[in-house]
Amino acid sequence: MHTYRITPLSLWNAASAGIDADSVIERLERWTKFPIPENIIFTIRDTISRYGKIRLVSTGDQNRLLLEVTEEMPDELPPSDPRGPHLGVYHWLTYVQDGLVQSRMALL
């Protein structure tokens, strides 16, 4: 018997190797003794779907990197979306981050 730990890092590594969520789930279903709980399937899909959406990009300047975000968080989410309860926190953190970036850039 083999035991594997599914972590955000292990899923991130799978995504970086070109393995999509459906392949991960299919392999788990093939080898597992028990049905996979829906929350685990959701977590696998959600984690792997985030791969590549935020990147640090070189600007050509040794001392600067650019944070590149390829997806915007919407202003509203449907009630069934599990991110809904955390949307206010996301917008607050975005506001704080923008303020910190602007302050830092003013110092340079």
PDB file of N, CA and C in Angstrom:
ATOM      1  N   MET A   1       0.837  -1.167   0.000  1.00  0.00           N
ATOM      2  CA  MET A   1       0.000   0.000   0.000  1.00  0.00           C
ATOM      3  C   MET A   1       0.894   1.246   0.000  1.00  0.00           C
ATOM      4  N   HIS A   2       0.470   2.264  -0.762  1.00  0.00           N
ATOM      5  CA  HIS A   2       1.191   3.530  -0.817  1.00  0.00           C
ATOM      6  C   HIS A   2       0.260   4.635  -0.332  1.00  0.00           C
ATOM      7  N   THR A   3       0.825   5.566   0.386  1.00  0.00           N
ATOM      8  CA  THR A   3       0.069   6.717   0.846  1.00  0.00           C
ATOM      9  C   THR A   3       0.707   7.963   0.258  1.00  0.00           C
ATOM     10  N   TYR A   4      -0.129   8.829  -0.316  1.00  0.00           N
ATOM     11  CA  TYR A   4       0.357  10.073  -0.894  1.00  0.00           C
ATOM     12  C   TYR A   4      -0.367  11.223  -0.226  1.00  0.00           C
ATOM     13  N   ARG A   5       0.359  12.277   0.021  1.00  0.00           N
ATOM     14  CA  ARG A   5      -0.240  13.475   0.606  1.00  0.00           C
ATOM     15  C   ARG A   5      -0.521  14.456  -0.531  1.00  0.00           C
ATOM     16  N   ILE A   6      -1.766  14.887  -0.602  1.00  0.00           N
ATOM     17  CA  ILE A   6      -2.147  15.899  -1.601  1.00  0.00           C
ATOM     18  C   ILE A   6      -2.056  17.249  -0.908  1.00  0.00           C
ATOM     19  N   THR A   7      -1.122  18.061  -1.352  1.00  0.00           N
ATOM     20  CA  THR A   7      -0.923  19.388  -0.785  1.00  0.00           C
ATOM     21  C   THR A   7      -0.999  20.409  -1.910  1.00  0.00           C
ATOM     22  N   PRO A   8      -1.156  21.689  -1.575  1.00  0.00           N
ATOM     23  CA  PRO A   8      -1.106  22.697  -2.630  1.00  0.00           C
ATOM     24  C   PRO A   8       0.201  22.619  -3.427  1.00  0.00           C
ATOM     25  N   LEU A   9       1.305  22.340  -2.752  1.00  0.00           N
ATOM     26  CA  LEU A   9       2.582  22.244  -3.456  1.00  0.00           C
ATOM     27  C   LEU A   9       2.616  21.045  -4.403  1.00  0.00           C
ATOM     28  N   SER A  10       2.112  19.896  -3.968  1.00  0.00           N
ATOM     29  CA  SER A  10       2.127  18.723  -4.849  1.00  0.00           C
ATOM     30  C   SER A  10       1.228  18.957  -6.062  1.00  0.00           C
ATOM     31  N   LEU A  11       0.088  19.629  -5.867  1.00  0.00           N
ATOM     32  CA  LEU A  11      -0.785  19.937  -6.998  1.00  0.00           C
ATOM     33  C   LEU A  11      -0.154  20.978  -7.906  1.00  0.00           C
ATOM     34  N   TRP A  12       0.531  21.941  -7.320  1.00  0.00           N
ATOM     35  CA  TRP A  12       1.236  22.965  -8.099  1.00  0.00           C
ATOM     36  C   TRP A  12       2.327  22.308  -8.956  1.00  0.00           C
ATOM     37  N   ASN A  13       3.054  21.369  -8.362  1.00  0.00           N
ATOM     38  CA  ASN A  13       4.094  20.658  -9.105  1.00  0.00           C
ATOM     39  C   ASN A  13       3.489  19.844 -10.244  1.00  0.00           C
ATOM     40  N   ALA A  14       2.336  19.232  -9.992  1.00  0.00           N
ATOM     41  CA  ALA A  14       1.657  18.481 -11.053  1.00  0.00           C
ATOM     42  C   ALA A  14       1.270  19.419 -12.193  1.00  0.00           C
ATOM     43  N   ALA A  15       0.706  20.572 -11.852  1.00  0.00           N
ATOM     44  CA  ALA A  15       0.311  21.541 -12.881  1.00  0.00           C
ATOM     45  C   ALA A  15       1.516  22.031 -13.667  1.00  0.00           C
ATOM     46  N   SER A  16       2.627  22.277 -12.983  1.00  0.00           N
ATOM     47  CA  SER A  16       3.823  22.759 -13.688  1.00  0.00           C
ATOM     48  C   SER A  16       4.420  21.686 -14.598  1.00  0.00           C
ATOM     49  N   ALA A  17       4.098  20.421 -14.308  1.00  0.00           N
ATOM     50  CA  ALA A  17       4.558  19.315 -15.161  1.00  0.00           C
ATOM     51  C   ALA A  17       3.568  19.026 -16.289  1.00  0.00           C
ATOM     52  N   GLY A  18       2.492  19.831 -16.371  1.00  0.00           N
ATOM     53  CA  GLY A  18       1.529  19.668 -17.448  1.00  0.00           C
ATOM     54  C   GLY A  18       0.391  18.703 -17.140  1.00  0.00           C
ATOM     55  N   ILE A  19       0.255  18.302 -15.893  1.00  0.00           N
ATOM     56  CA  ILE A  19      -0.821  17.380 -15.508  1.00  0.00           C
ATOM     57  C   ILE A  19      -2.030  18.212 -15.085  1.00  0.00           C
ATOM     58  N   ASP A  20      -3.163  18.000 -15.740  1.00  0.00           N
ATOM     59  CA  ASP A  20      -4.352  18.776 -15.413  1.00  0.00           C
ATOM     60  C   ASP A  20      -5.159  18.107 -14.295  1.00  0.00           C
ATOM     61  N   ALA A  21      -6.147  18.832 -13.790  1.00  0.00           N
ATOM     62  CA  ALA A  21      -6.942  18.355 -12.659  1.00  0.00           C
ATOM     63  C   ALA A  21      -7.678  17.061 -12.989  1.00  0.00           C
ATOM     64  N   ASP A  22      -8.209  16.964 -14.193  1.00  0.00           N
ATOM     65  CA  ASP A  22      -8.933  15.746 -14.569  1.00  0.00           C
ATOM     66  C   ASP A  22      -8.027  14.518 -14.516  1.00  0.00           C
ATOM     67  N   SER A  23      -6.780  14.674 -14.924  1.00  0.00           N
ATOM     68  CA  SER A  23      -5.831  13.552 -14.875  1.00  0.00           C
ATOM     69  C   SER A  23      -5.523  13.151 -13.440  1.00  0.00           C
ATOM     70  N   VAL A  24      -5.355  14.133 -12.563  1.00  0.00           N
ATOM     71  CA  VAL A  24      -5.088  13.835 -11.153  1.00  0.00           C
ATOM     72  C   VAL A  24      -6.269  13.075 -10.555  1.00  0.00           C
ATOM     73  N   ILE A  25      -7.473  13.579 -10.807  1.00  0.00           N
ATOM     74  CA  ILE A  25      -8.674  12.950 -10.253  1.00  0.00           C
ATOM     75  C   ILE A  25      -8.868  11.553 -10.832  1.00  0.00           C
ATOM     76  N   GLU A  26      -8.649  11.424 -12.126  1.00  0.00           N
ATOM     77  CA  GLU A  26      -8.790  10.112 -12.771  1.00  0.00           C
ATOM     78  C   GLU A  26      -7.837   9.094 -12.158  1.00  0.00           C
ATOM     79  N   ARG A  27      -6.607   9.478 -11.926  1.00  0.00           N
ATOM     80  CA  ARG A  27      -5.631   8.560 -11.328  1.00  0.00           C
ATOM     81  C   ARG A  27      -6.002   8.205  -9.897  1.00  0.00           C
ATOM     82  N   LEU A  28      -6.479   9.190  -9.155  1.00  0.00           N
ATOM     83  CA  LEU A  28      -6.908   8.906  -7.779  1.00  0.00           C
ATOM     84  C   LEU A  28      -8.094   7.934  -7.775  1.00  0.00           C
ATOM     85  N   GLU A  29      -9.053   8.177  -8.665  1.00  0.00           N
ATOM     86  CA  GLU A  29     -10.223   7.297  -8.727  1.00  0.00           C
ATOM     87  C   GLU A  29      -9.838   5.873  -9.128  1.00  0.00           C
ATOM     88  N   ARG A  30      -8.849   5.750  -9.981  1.00  0.00           N
ATOM     89  CA  ARG A  30      -8.419   4.430 -10.441  1.00  0.00           C
ATOM     90  C   ARG A  30      -7.764   3.636  -9.310  1.00  0.00           C
ATOM     91  N   TRP A  31      -7.015   4.304  -8.444  1.00  0.00           N
ATOM     92  CA  TRP A  31      -6.223   3.587  -7.444  1.00  0.00           C
ATOM     93  C   TRP A  31      -6.790   3.623  -6.031  1.00  0.00           C
ATOM     94  N   THR A  32      -7.801   4.443  -5.799  1.00  0.00           N
ATOM     95  CA  THR A  32      -8.318   4.548  -4.437  1.00  0.00           C
ATOM     96  C   THR A  32      -9.264   3.399  -4.094  1.00  0.00           C
ATOM     97  N   LYS A  33      -9.309   3.095  -2.840  1.00  0.00           N
ATOM     98  CA  LYS A  33     -10.186   2.032  -2.353  1.00  0.00           C
ATOM     99  C   LYS A  33     -11.587   2.579  -2.062  1.00  0.00           C
ATOM    100  N   PHE A  34     -11.670   3.876  -1.747  1.00  0.00           N
ATOM    101  CA  PHE A  34     -12.929   4.502  -1.373  1.00  0.00           C
ATOM    102  C   PHE A  34     -13.222   5.672  -2.314  1.00  0.00           C
ATOM    103  N   PRO A  35     -14.485   6.059  -2.428  1.00  0.00           N
ATOM    104  CA  PRO A  35     -14.824   7.223  -3.267  1.00  0.00           C
ATOM    105  C   PRO A  35     -14.122   8.490  -2.746  1.00  0.00           C
ATOM    106  N   ILE A  36     -13.755   9.341  -3.666  1.00  0.00           N
ATOM    107  CA  ILE A  36     -13.093  10.597  -3.308  1.00  0.00           C
ATOM    108  C   ILE A  36     -14.164  11.607  -2.887  1.00  0.00           C
ATOM    109  N   PRO A  37     -14.043  12.208  -1.718  1.00  0.00           N
ATOM    110  CA  PRO A  37     -15.032  13.207  -1.284  1.00  0.00           C
ATOM    111  C   PRO A  37     -15.061  14.407  -2.238  1.00  0.00           C
ATOM    112  N   GLU A  38     -16.240  14.983  -2.394  1.00  0.00           N
ATOM    113  CA  GLU A  38     -16.423  16.110  -3.313  1.00  0.00           C
ATOM    114  C   GLU A  38     -15.540  17.298  -2.954  1.00  0.00           C
ATOM    115  N   ASN A  39     -15.316  17.535  -1.648  1.00  0.00           N
ATOM    116  CA  ASN A  39     -14.484  18.685  -1.277  1.00  0.00           C
ATOM    117  C   ASN A  39     -13.036  18.496  -1.739  1.00  0.00           C
ATOM    118  N   ILE A  40     -12.573  17.247  -1.804  1.00  0.00           N
ATOM    119  CA  ILE A  40     -11.210  16.979  -2.293  1.00  0.00           C
ATOM    120  C   ILE A  40     -11.145  17.234  -3.791  1.00  0.00           C
ATOM    121  N   ILE A  41     -12.161  16.787  -4.523  1.00  0.00           N
ATOM    122  CA  ILE A  41     -12.209  17.030  -5.969  1.00  0.00           C
ATOM    123  C   ILE A  41     -12.242  18.532  -6.242  1.00  0.00           C
ATOM    124  N   PHE A  42     -13.070  19.261  -5.477  1.00  0.00           N
ATOM    125  CA  PHE A  42     -13.137  20.714  -5.643  1.00  0.00           C
ATOM    126  C   PHE A  42     -11.773  21.347  -5.392  1.00  0.00           C
ATOM    127  N   THR A  43     -11.111  20.941  -4.310  1.00  0.00           N
ATOM    128  CA  THR A  43      -9.799  21.511  -3.964  1.00  0.00           C
ATOM    129  C   THR A  43      -8.770  21.227  -5.051  1.00  0.00           C
ATOM    130  N   ILE A  44      -8.768  20.034  -5.590  1.00  0.00           N
ATOM    131  CA  ILE A  44      -7.829  19.694  -6.664  1.00  0.00           C
ATOM    132  C   ILE A  44      -8.078  20.594  -7.870  1.00  0.00           C
ATOM    133  N   ARG A  45      -9.330  20.692  -8.294  1.00  0.00           N
ATOM    134  CA  ARG A  45      -9.656  21.530  -9.469  1.00  0.00           C
ATOM    135  C   ARG A  45      -9.324  23.005  -9.207  1.00  0.00           C
ATOM    136  N   ASP A  46      -9.686  23.489  -8.025  1.00  0.00           N
ATOM    137  CA  ASP A  46      -9.460  24.888  -7.695  1.00  0.00           C
ATOM    138  C   ASP A  46      -7.971  25.218  -7.641  1.00  0.00           C
ATOM    139  N   THR A  47      -7.198  24.373  -6.986  1.00  0.00           N
ATOM    140  CA  THR A  47      -5.758  24.630  -6.843  1.00  0.00           C
ATOM    141  C   THR A  47      -5.056  24.591  -8.194  1.00  0.00           C
ATOM    142  N   ILE A  48      -5.329  23.569  -8.981  1.00  0.00           N
ATOM    143  CA  ILE A  48      -4.658  23.453 -10.277  1.00  0.00           C
ATOM    144  C   ILE A  48      -5.107  24.557 -11.234  1.00  0.00           C
ATOM    145  N   SER A  49      -6.354  25.016 -11.110  1.00  0.00           N
ATOM    146  CA  SER A  49      -6.833  26.081 -12.006  1.00  0.00           C
ATOM    147  C   SER A  49      -6.108  27.400 -11.766  1.00  0.00           C
ATOM    148  N   ARG A  50      -5.499  27.556 -10.603  1.00  0.00           N
ATOM    149  CA  ARG A  50      -4.787  28.805 -10.288  1.00  0.00           C
ATOM    150  C   ARG A  50      -3.380  28.861 -10.877  1.00  0.00           C
ATOM    151  N   TYR A  51      -2.874  27.722 -11.315  1.00  0.00           N
ATOM    152  CA  TYR A  51      -1.493  27.682 -11.807  1.00  0.00           C
ATOM    153  C   TYR A  51      -1.304  28.664 -12.964  1.00  0.00           C
ATOM    154  N   GLY A  52      -0.273  29.477 -12.872  1.00  0.00           N
ATOM    155  CA  GLY A  52       0.087  30.402 -13.948  1.00  0.00           C
ATOM    156  C   GLY A  52      -0.684  31.705 -13.963  1.00  0.00           C
ATOM    157  N   LYS A  53      -1.579  31.921 -13.033  1.00  0.00           N
ATOM    158  CA  LYS A  53      -2.364  33.150 -13.041  1.00  0.00           C
ATOM    159  C   LYS A  53      -1.654  34.308 -12.367  1.00  0.00           C
ATOM    160  N   ILE A  54      -0.661  34.010 -11.549  1.00  0.00           N
ATOM    161  CA  ILE A  54       0.168  35.045 -10.930  1.00  0.00           C
ATOM    162  C   ILE A  54       1.621  34.668 -11.195  1.00  0.00           C
ATOM    163  N   ARG A  55       2.370  35.612 -11.750  1.00  0.00           N
ATOM    164  CA  ARG A  55       3.772  35.339 -12.060  1.00  0.00           C
ATOM    165  C   ARG A  55       4.633  36.538 -11.688  1.00  0.00           C
ATOM    166  N   LEU A  56       5.871  36.255 -11.302  1.00  0.00           N
ATOM    167  CA  LEU A  56       6.865  37.310 -11.130  1.00  0.00           C
ATOM    168  C   LEU A  56       7.650  37.381 -12.427  1.00  0.00           C
ATOM    169  N   VAL A  57       7.675  38.554 -13.032  1.00  0.00           N
ATOM    170  CA  VAL A  57       8.289  38.732 -14.340  1.00  0.00           C
ATOM    171  C   VAL A  57       9.459  39.705 -14.215  1.00  0.00           C
ATOM    172  N   SER A  58      10.556  39.374 -14.843  1.00  0.00           N
ATOM    173  CA  SER A  58      11.720  40.253 -14.840  1.00  0.00           C
ATOM    174  C   SER A  58      11.429  41.508 -15.652  1.00  0.00           C
ATOM    175  N   THR A  59      11.887  42.653 -15.132  1.00  0.00           N
ATOM    176  CA  THR A  59      11.690  43.920 -15.840  1.00  0.00           C
ATOM    177  C   THR A  59      12.947  44.329 -16.599  1.00  0.00           C
ATOM    178  N   GLY A  60      13.997  43.551 -16.460  1.00  0.00           N
ATOM    179  CA  GLY A  60      15.269  43.928 -17.055  1.00  0.00           C
ATOM    180  C   GLY A  60      16.164  44.651 -16.061  1.00  0.00           C
ATOM    181  N   ASP A  61      15.579  45.211 -15.033  1.00  0.00           N
ATOM    182  CA  ASP A  61      16.312  45.864 -13.960  1.00  0.00           C
ATOM    183  C   ASP A  61      16.582  44.810 -12.885  1.00  0.00           C
ATOM    184  N   GLN A  62      17.833  44.680 -12.468  1.00  0.00           N
ATOM    185  CA  GLN A  62      18.202  43.659 -11.483  1.00  0.00           C
ATOM    186  C   GLN A  62      17.428  43.763 -10.176  1.00  0.00           C
ATOM    187  N   ASN A  63      17.012  44.973  -9.831  1.00  0.00           N
ATOM    188  CA  ASN A  63      16.395  45.197  -8.529  1.00  0.00           C
ATOM    189  C   ASN A  63      14.868  45.198  -8.563  1.00  0.00           C
ATOM    190  N   ARG A  64      14.277  44.896  -9.711  1.00  0.00           N
ATOM    191  CA  ARG A  64      12.822  44.972  -9.787  1.00  0.00           C
ATOM    192  C   ARG A  64      12.227  43.759 -10.487  1.00  0.00           C
ATOM    193  N   LEU A  65      11.134  43.313  -9.932  1.00  0.00           N
ATOM    194  CA  LEU A  65      10.310  42.283 -10.547  1.00  0.00           C
ATOM    195  C   LEU A  65       8.899  42.841 -10.651  1.00  0.00           C
ATOM    196  N   LEU A  66       8.175  42.390 -11.630  1.00  0.00           N
ATOM    197  CA  LEU A  66       6.799  42.820 -11.826  1.00  0.00           C
ATOM    198  C   LEU A  66       5.877  41.665 -11.485  1.00  0.00           C
ATOM    199  N   LEU A  67       4.879  41.919 -10.663  1.00  0.00           N
ATOM    200  CA  LEU A  67       3.881  40.917 -10.340  1.00  0.00           C
ATOM    201  C   LEU A  67       2.804  40.993 -11.417  1.00  0.00           C
ATOM    202  N   GLU A  68       2.660  39.923 -12.167  1.00  0.00           N
ATOM    203  CA  GLU A  68       1.700  39.888 -13.274  1.00  0.00           C
ATOM    204  C   GLU A  68       0.529  38.990 -12.884  1.00  0.00           C
ATOM    205  N   VAL A  69      -0.672  39.550 -12.905  1.00  0.00           N
ATOM    206  CA  VAL A  69      -1.882  38.810 -12.555  1.00  0.00           C
ATOM    207  C   VAL A  69      -2.737  38.712 -13.810  1.00  0.00           C
ATOM    208  N   THR A  70      -3.109  37.479 -14.166  1.00  0.00           N
ATOM    209  CA  THR A  70      -3.842  37.289 -15.422  1.00  0.00           C
ATOM    210  C   THR A  70      -5.349  37.198 -15.235  1.00  0.00           C
ATOM    211  N   GLU A  71      -5.813  37.215 -13.996  1.00  0.00           N
ATOM    212  CA  GLU A  71      -7.255  37.111 -13.776  1.00  0.00           C
ATOM    213  C   GLU A  71      -7.678  38.079 -12.694  1.00  0.00           C
ATOM    214  N   GLU A  72      -8.716  38.830 -12.980  1.00  0.00           N
ATOM    215  CA  GLU A  72      -9.264  39.767 -11.996  1.00  0.00           C
ATOM    216  C   GLU A  72     -10.332  39.061 -11.166  1.00  0.00           C
ATOM    217  N   MET A  73     -10.418  39.403  -9.912  1.00  0.00           N
ATOM    218  CA  MET A  73     -11.500  38.901  -9.063  1.00  0.00           C
ATOM    219  C   MET A  73     -12.715  39.771  -9.336  1.00  0.00           C
ATOM    220  N   PRO A  74     -13.853  39.186  -9.594  1.00  0.00           N
ATOM    221  CA  PRO A  74     -15.048  39.985  -9.889  1.00  0.00           C
ATOM    222  C   PRO A  74     -15.525  40.762  -8.666  1.00  0.00           C
ATOM    223  N   ASP A  75     -16.350  41.773  -8.918  1.00  0.00           N
ATOM    224  CA  ASP A  75     -16.922  42.552  -7.822  1.00  0.00           C
ATOM    225  C   ASP A  75     -17.982  41.760  -7.072  1.00  0.00           C
ATOM    226  N   GLU A  76     -18.655  40.850  -7.778  1.00  0.00           N
ATOM    227  CA  GLU A  76     -19.685  40.025  -7.162  1.00  0.00           C
ATOM    228  C   GLU A  76     -19.527  38.586  -7.623  1.00  0.00           C
ATOM    229  N   LEU A  77     -19.983  37.667  -6.795  1.00  0.00           N
ATOM    230  CA  LEU A  77     -19.948  36.243  -7.134  1.00  0.00           C
ATOM    231  C   LEU A  77     -21.326  35.645  -6.889  1.00  0.00           C
ATOM    232  N   PRO A  78     -21.676  34.593  -7.638  1.00  0.00           N
ATOM    233  CA  PRO A  78     -22.958  33.939  -7.367  1.00  0.00           C
ATOM    234  C   PRO A  78     -22.972  33.340  -5.956  1.00  0.00           C
ATOM    235  N   PRO A  79     -24.125  33.234  -5.339  1.00  0.00           N
ATOM    236  CA  PRO A  79     -24.205  32.710  -3.968  1.00  0.00           C
ATOM    237  C   PRO A  79     -23.592  31.315  -3.814  1.00  0.00           C
ATOM    238  N   SER A  80     -23.593  30.529  -4.871  1.00  0.00           N
ATOM    239  CA  SER A  80     -23.060  29.163  -4.773  1.00  0.00           C
ATOM    240  C   SER A  80     -21.531  29.112  -4.823  1.00  0.00           C
ATOM    241  N   ASP A  81     -20.879  30.222  -5.182  1.00  0.00           N
ATOM    242  CA  ASP A  81     -19.417  30.232  -5.304  1.00  0.00           C
ATOM    243  C   ASP A  81     -18.786  30.208  -3.910  1.00  0.00           C
ATOM    244  N   PRO A  82     -17.904  29.218  -3.638  1.00  0.00           N
ATOM    245  CA  PRO A  82     -17.317  29.116  -2.297  1.00  0.00           C
ATOM    246  C   PRO A  82     -16.395  30.279  -1.940  1.00  0.00           C
ATOM    247  N   ARG A  83     -15.975  31.074  -2.924  1.00  0.00           N
ATOM    248  CA  ARG A  83     -15.126  32.232  -2.634  1.00  0.00           C
ATOM    249  C   ARG A  83     -15.935  33.420  -2.135  1.00  0.00           C
ATOM    250  N   GLY A  84     -17.260  33.357  -2.289  1.00  0.00           N
ATOM    251  CA  GLY A  84     -18.138  34.475  -1.957  1.00  0.00           C
ATOM    252  C   GLY A  84     -17.927  35.065  -0.577  1.00  0.00           C
ATOM    253  N   PRO A  85     -17.886  34.243   0.482  1.00  0.00           N
ATOM    254  CA  PRO A  85     -17.719  34.809   1.824  1.00  0.00           C
ATOM    255  C   PRO A  85     -16.396  35.549   2.013  1.00  0.00           C
ATOM    256  N   HIS A  86     -15.431  35.298   1.161  1.00  0.00           N
ATOM    257  CA  HIS A  86     -14.104  35.892   1.322  1.00  0.00           C
ATOM    258  C   HIS A  86     -13.841  37.043   0.351  1.00  0.00           C
ATOM    259  N   LEU A  87     -14.833  37.389  -0.455  1.00  0.00           N
ATOM    260  CA  LEU A  87     -14.632  38.418  -1.474  1.00  0.00           C
ATOM    261  C   LEU A  87     -14.254  39.767  -0.861  1.00  0.00           C
ATOM    262  N   GLY A  88     -14.901  40.141   0.254  1.00  0.00           N
ATOM    263  CA  GLY A  88     -14.570  41.412   0.911  1.00  0.00           C
ATOM    264  C   GLY A  88     -13.125  41.446   1.378  1.00  0.00           C
ATOM    265  N   VAL A  89     -12.643  40.334   1.912  1.00  0.00           N
ATOM    266  CA  VAL A  89     -11.252  40.249   2.360  1.00  0.00           C
ATOM    267  C   VAL A  89     -10.322  40.403   1.161  1.00  0.00           C
ATOM    268  N   TYR A  90     -10.653  39.754   0.055  1.00  0.00           N
ATOM    269  CA  TYR A  90      -9.827  39.861  -1.151  1.00  0.00           C
ATOM    270  C   TYR A  90      -9.715  41.319  -1.597  1.00  0.00           C
ATOM    271  N   HIS A  91     -10.855  42.022  -1.659  1.00  0.00           N
ATOM    272  CA  HIS A  91     -10.830  43.417  -2.105  1.00  0.00           C
ATOM    273  C   HIS A  91     -10.050  44.297  -1.121  1.00  0.00           C
ATOM    274  N   TRP A  92     -10.183  44.039   0.170  1.00  0.00           N
ATOM    275  CA  TRP A  92      -9.424  44.804   1.156  1.00  0.00           C
ATOM    276  C   TRP A  92      -7.930  44.562   0.990  1.00  0.00           C
ATOM    277  N   LEU A  93      -7.529  43.296   0.832  1.00  0.00           N
ATOM    278  CA  LEU A  93      -6.111  42.984   0.657  1.00  0.00           C
ATOM    279  C   LEU A  93      -5.561  43.599  -0.627  1.00  0.00           C
ATOM    280  N   THR A  94      -6.362  43.607  -1.671  1.00  0.00           N
ATOM    281  CA  THR A  94      -5.943  44.233  -2.928  1.00  0.00           C
ATOM    282  C   THR A  94      -5.705  45.727  -2.727  1.00  0.00           C
ATOM    283  N   TYR A  95      -6.609  46.377  -1.984  1.00  0.00           N
ATOM    284  CA  TYR A  95      -6.477  47.797  -1.689  1.00  0.00           C
ATOM    285  C   TYR A  95      -5.190  48.059  -0.900  1.00  0.00           C
ATOM    286  N   VAL A  96      -4.942  47.256   0.134  1.00  0.00           N
ATOM    287  CA  VAL A  96      -3.734  47.415   0.947  1.00  0.00           C
ATOM    288  C   VAL A  96      -2.490  47.171   0.103  1.00  0.00           C
ATOM    289  N   GLN A  97      -2.510  46.128  -0.716  1.00  0.00           N
ATOM    290  CA  GLN A  97      -1.360  45.811  -1.557  1.00  0.00           C
ATOM    291  C   GLN A  97      -1.074  46.944  -2.531  1.00  0.00           C
ATOM    292  N   ASP A  98      -2.103  47.480  -3.166  1.00  0.00           N
ATOM    293  CA  ASP A  98      -1.901  48.594  -4.097  1.00  0.00           C
ATOM    294  C   ASP A  98      -1.275  49.789  -3.392  1.00  0.00           C
ATOM    295  N   GLY A  99      -1.741  50.071  -2.176  1.00  0.00           N
ATOM    296  CA  GLY A  99      -1.169  51.183  -1.401  1.00  0.00           C
ATOM    297  C   GLY A  99       0.290  50.945  -1.069  1.00  0.00           C
ATOM    298  N   LEU A 100       0.631  49.706  -0.689  1.00  0.00           N
ATOM    299  CA  LEU A 100       2.021  49.392  -0.373  1.00  0.00           C
ATOM    300  C   LEU A 100       2.912  49.498  -1.604  1.00  0.00           C
ATOM    301  N   VAL A 101       2.437  49.013  -2.733  1.00  0.00           N
ATOM    302  CA  VAL A 101       3.221  49.087  -3.972  1.00  0.00           C
ATOM    303  C   VAL A 101       3.451  50.533  -4.357  1.00  0.00           C
ATOM    304  N   GLN A 102       2.414  51.357  -4.286  1.00  0.00           N
ATOM    305  CA  GLN A 102       2.561  52.774  -4.636  1.00  0.00           C
ATOM    306  C   GLN A 102       3.512  53.483  -3.697  1.00  0.00           C
ATOM    307  N   SER A 103       3.435  53.179  -2.396  1.00  0.00           N
ATOM    308  CA  SER A 103       4.353  53.782  -1.428  1.00  0.00           C
ATOM    309  C   SER A 103       5.791  53.379  -1.707  1.00  0.00           C
ATOM    310  N   ARG A 104       5.981  52.110  -1.994  1.00  0.00           N
ATOM    311  CA  ARG A 104       7.340  51.596  -2.290  1.00  0.00           C
ATOM    312  C   ARG A 104       7.894  52.233  -3.559  1.00  0.00           C
ATOM    313  N   MET A 105       7.064  52.354  -4.564  1.00  0.00           N
ATOM    314  CA  MET A 105       7.514  52.947  -5.835  1.00  0.00           C
ATOM    315  C   MET A 105       7.879  54.414  -5.655  1.00  0.00           C
ATOM    316  N   ALA A 106       7.171  55.113  -4.758  1.00  0.00           N
ATOM    317  CA  ALA A 106       7.472  56.522  -4.502  1.00  0.00           C
ATOM    318  C   ALA A 106       8.843  56.675  -3.852  1.00  0.00           C
ATOM    319  N   LEU A 107       9.274  55.651  -3.104  1.00  0.00           N
ATOM    320  CA  LEU A 107      10.579  55.718  -2.435  1.00  0.00           C
ATOM    321  C   LEU A 107      11.731  55.458  -3.404  1.00  0.00           C
ATOM    322  N   LEU A 108      11.461  54.793  -4.498  1.00  0.00           N
ATOM    323  CA  LEU A 108      12.532  54.442  -5.434  1.00  0.00           C
ATOM    324  C   LEU A 108      12.839  55.533  -6.351  1.00  0.00           C
TER     325      LEU A 108
END
